[in-house]
């Protein structure tokens, strides 16, 4: 698997996000209060709201349009809502945020 160096972890605010342009649309990379990072398509499964502009708490993000709660680890909407934001592999190595480059056959699908 190839990894794309995005930025230093410190360049993403705690409880903030950074947007990266992907081949199928924008990807939001989120940083939690525990310095964990997660990456999802920057599109809520409900009405396409920009998740990167939502509030992050714990390991969830709340869509800014209709307050849908999305699990950062899986991209799955919290019940009673249903849907999924596509998840991307991301990690921190030596203080750098790395995003996995996948082909369509190996992309991380919603579960």
C-alpha atoms as a PDB file:
ATOM      1  CA  UNK A   1       0.000   0.000   0.000  1.00  0.00           C
ATOM      2  CA  UNK A   2       1.257   3.474  -0.833  1.00  0.00           C
ATOM      3  CA  UNK A   3       0.869   6.335   1.630  1.00  0.00           C
ATOM      4  CA  UNK A   4       0.543  10.034   0.838  1.00  0.00           C
ATOM      5  CA  UNK A   5       2.158  12.438   3.326  1.00  0.00           C
ATOM      6  CA  UNK A   6      -0.552  15.016   4.101  1.00  0.00           C
ATOM      7  CA  UNK A   7       0.852  17.229   6.856  1.00  0.00           C
ATOM      8  CA  UNK A   8       2.221  17.293  10.383  1.00  0.00           C
ATOM      9  CA  UNK A   9      -0.333  16.201  12.994  1.00  0.00           C
ATOM     10  CA  UNK A  10       0.107  19.602  14.656  1.00  0.00           C
ATOM     11  CA  UNK A  11      -1.182  21.285  11.473  1.00  0.00           C
ATOM     12  CA  UNK A  12      -4.667  19.878  12.164  1.00  0.00           C
ATOM     13  CA  UNK A  13      -6.346  21.555  15.121  1.00  0.00           C
ATOM     14  CA  UNK A  14      -7.421  19.339  18.004  1.00  0.00           C
ATOM     15  CA  UNK A  15     -11.100  18.509  17.320  1.00  0.00           C
ATOM     16  CA  UNK A  16     -10.561  19.882  13.825  1.00  0.00           C
ATOM     17  CA  UNK A  17     -10.153  18.631  10.294  1.00  0.00           C
ATOM     18  CA  UNK A  18      -8.252  19.124   7.089  1.00  0.00           C
ATOM     19  CA  UNK A  19      -9.609  18.598   3.565  1.00  0.00           C
ATOM     20  CA  UNK A  20      -7.676  16.705   0.910  1.00  0.00           C
ATOM     21  CA  UNK A  21      -8.836  16.507  -2.698  1.00  0.00           C
ATOM     22  CA  UNK A  22      -9.277  12.922  -3.824  1.00  0.00           C
ATOM     23  CA  UNK A  23     -10.065  11.404  -7.220  1.00  0.00           C
ATOM     24  CA  UNK A  24     -13.726  10.937  -6.228  1.00  0.00           C
ATOM     25  CA  UNK A  25     -14.194  14.102  -4.170  1.00  0.00           C
ATOM     26  CA  UNK A  26     -12.899  15.691  -1.007  1.00  0.00           C
ATOM     27  CA  UNK A  27     -11.651  13.638   1.938  1.00  0.00           C
ATOM     28  CA  UNK A  28     -11.844  15.053   5.471  1.00  0.00           C
ATOM     29  CA  UNK A  29      -9.097  14.076   7.899  1.00  0.00           C
ATOM     30  CA  UNK A  30     -10.223  14.492  11.517  1.00  0.00           C
ATOM     31  CA  UNK A  31      -8.142  14.860  14.700  1.00  0.00           C
ATOM     32  CA  UNK A  32      -9.696  13.897  18.023  1.00  0.00           C
ATOM     33  CA  UNK A  33      -8.868  15.253  21.470  1.00  0.00           C
ATOM     34  CA  UNK A  34      -6.691  12.123  21.960  1.00  0.00           C
ATOM     35  CA  UNK A  35      -4.685  12.911  18.775  1.00  0.00           C
ATOM     36  CA  UNK A  36      -6.242  10.008  16.864  1.00  0.00           C
ATOM     37  CA  UNK A  37      -6.819  10.624  13.172  1.00  0.00           C
ATOM     38  CA  UNK A  38      -9.615   9.358  10.947  1.00  0.00           C
ATOM     39  CA  UNK A  39     -10.483   9.998   7.311  1.00  0.00           C
ATOM     40  CA  UNK A  40     -13.921   9.998   5.693  1.00  0.00           C
ATOM     41  CA  UNK A  41     -15.380  11.332   2.484  1.00  0.00           C
ATOM     42  CA  UNK A  42     -16.305  14.930   3.217  1.00  0.00           C
ATOM     43  CA  UNK A  43     -19.940  14.180   2.495  1.00  0.00           C
ATOM     44  CA  UNK A  44     -22.679  13.225   4.943  1.00  0.00           C
ATOM     45  CA  UNK A  45     -24.716  10.221   3.731  1.00  0.00           C
ATOM     46  CA  UNK A  46     -27.938  12.125   4.481  1.00  0.00           C
ATOM     47  CA  UNK A  47     -27.877  15.235   2.277  1.00  0.00           C
ATOM     48  CA  UNK A  48     -24.196  15.579   1.402  1.00  0.00           C
ATOM     49  CA  UNK A  49     -23.309  18.086   4.109  1.00  0.00           C
ATOM     50  CA  UNK A  50     -19.597  18.869   4.595  1.00  0.00           C
ATOM     51  CA  UNK A  51     -18.527  16.679   7.519  1.00  0.00           C
ATOM     52  CA  UNK A  52     -15.278  18.666   7.760  1.00  0.00           C
ATOM     53  CA  UNK A  53     -17.348  21.575   9.096  1.00  0.00           C
ATOM     54  CA  UNK A  54     -19.080  19.474  11.739  1.00  0.00           C
ATOM     55  CA  UNK A  55     -18.426  19.287  15.470  1.00  0.00           C
ATOM     56  CA  UNK A  56     -16.101  16.488  16.595  1.00  0.00           C
ATOM     57  CA  UNK A  57     -16.667  14.865  19.957  1.00  0.00           C
ATOM     58  CA  UNK A  58     -15.247  11.568  21.133  1.00  0.00           C
ATOM     59  CA  UNK A  59     -14.940   9.497  17.986  1.00  0.00           C
ATOM     60  CA  UNK A  60     -17.919  11.040  16.201  1.00  0.00           C
ATOM     61  CA  UNK A  61     -18.609  14.016  13.991  1.00  0.00           C
ATOM     62  CA  UNK A  62     -21.966  15.798  13.807  1.00  0.00           C
ATOM     63  CA  UNK A  63     -22.984  16.920  10.329  1.00  0.00           C
ATOM     64  CA  UNK A  64     -23.448  20.710  10.290  1.00  0.00           C
ATOM     65  CA  UNK A  65     -26.645  20.531   8.204  1.00  0.00           C
ATOM     66  CA  UNK A  66     -28.959  18.219  10.142  1.00  0.00           C
ATOM     67  CA  UNK A  67     -26.843  17.017  13.087  1.00  0.00           C
ATOM     68  CA  UNK A  68     -26.496  13.430  11.880  1.00  0.00           C
ATOM     69  CA  UNK A  69     -23.891  11.672  14.031  1.00  0.00           C
ATOM     70  CA  UNK A  70     -21.217   9.769  12.092  1.00  0.00           C
ATOM     71  CA  UNK A  71     -18.770   7.315  13.692  1.00  0.00           C
ATOM     72  CA  UNK A  72     -15.234   8.363  12.710  1.00  0.00           C
ATOM     73  CA  UNK A  73     -13.848   4.810  12.922  1.00  0.00           C
ATOM     74  CA  UNK A  74     -16.369   3.282  10.519  1.00  0.00           C
ATOM     75  CA  UNK A  75     -18.173   6.139   8.768  1.00  0.00           C
ATOM     76  CA  UNK A  76     -21.514   4.630   9.831  1.00  0.00           C
ATOM     77  CA  UNK A  77     -24.369   6.914  10.911  1.00  0.00           C
ATOM     78  CA  UNK A  78     -25.544   6.493  14.507  1.00  0.00           C
ATOM     79  CA  UNK A  79     -29.044   4.987  14.877  1.00  0.00           C
ATOM     80  CA  UNK A  80     -31.805   5.814  14.262  1.00  0.00           C
ATOM     81  CA  UNK A  81     -30.155   7.363  11.200  1.00  0.00           C
ATOM     82  CA  UNK A  82     -28.876   5.040   8.491  1.00  0.00           C
ATOM     83  CA  UNK A  83     -26.110   5.482   5.982  1.00  0.00           C
ATOM     84  CA  UNK A  84     -22.369   5.591   5.709  1.00  0.00           C
ATOM     85  CA  UNK A  85     -19.604   8.005   4.748  1.00  0.00           C
ATOM     86  CA  UNK A  86     -16.813   6.187   2.928  1.00  0.00           C
ATOM     87  CA  UNK A  87     -13.817   5.589   5.224  1.00  0.00           C
ATOM     88  CA  UNK A  88     -10.157   5.936   4.216  1.00  0.00           C
ATOM     89  CA  UNK A  89      -7.083   4.467   5.904  1.00  0.00           C
ATOM     90  CA  UNK A  90      -4.990   7.085   7.664  1.00  0.00           C
ATOM     91  CA  UNK A  91      -2.196   6.920  10.244  1.00  0.00           C
ATOM     92  CA  UNK A  92       0.372   9.033  12.057  1.00  0.00           C
ATOM     93  CA  UNK A  93       4.051   8.127  11.718  1.00  0.00           C
ATOM     94  CA  UNK A  94       6.764  10.251  13.311  1.00  0.00           C
ATOM     95  CA  UNK A  95       4.268  13.086  13.761  1.00  0.00           C
ATOM     96  CA  UNK A  96       3.201  13.052  10.098  1.00  0.00           C
ATOM     97  CA  UNK A  97      -0.349  12.276   8.920  1.00  0.00           C
ATOM     98  CA  UNK A  98      -0.348   9.720   6.105  1.00  0.00           C
ATOM     99  CA  UNK A  99      -3.347   8.852   3.917  1.00  0.00           C
ATOM    100  CA  UNK A 100      -3.501   5.502   2.121  1.00  0.00           C
ATOM    101  CA  UNK A 101      -3.640   5.498  -1.626  1.00  0.00           C
ATOM    102  CA  UNK A 102      -5.922   2.654  -2.732  1.00  0.00           C
ATOM    103  CA  UNK A 103      -7.205   1.483  -6.018  1.00  0.00           C
ATOM    104  CA  UNK A 104     -10.936   0.944  -6.366  1.00  0.00           C
ATOM    105  CA  UNK A 105     -10.651  -2.789  -5.613  1.00  0.00           C
ATOM    106  CA  UNK A 106      -9.079  -2.270  -2.177  1.00  0.00           C
ATOM    107  CA  UNK A 107     -10.819   0.880  -0.949  1.00  0.00           C
ATOM    108  CA  UNK A 108     -12.259   0.696   2.565  1.00  0.00           C
ATOM    109  CA  UNK A 109     -15.987   0.207   2.077  1.00  0.00           C
ATOM    110  CA  UNK A 110     -18.700   0.981   4.601  1.00  0.00           C
ATOM    111  CA  UNK A 111     -19.729  -1.934   6.782  1.00  0.00           C
END
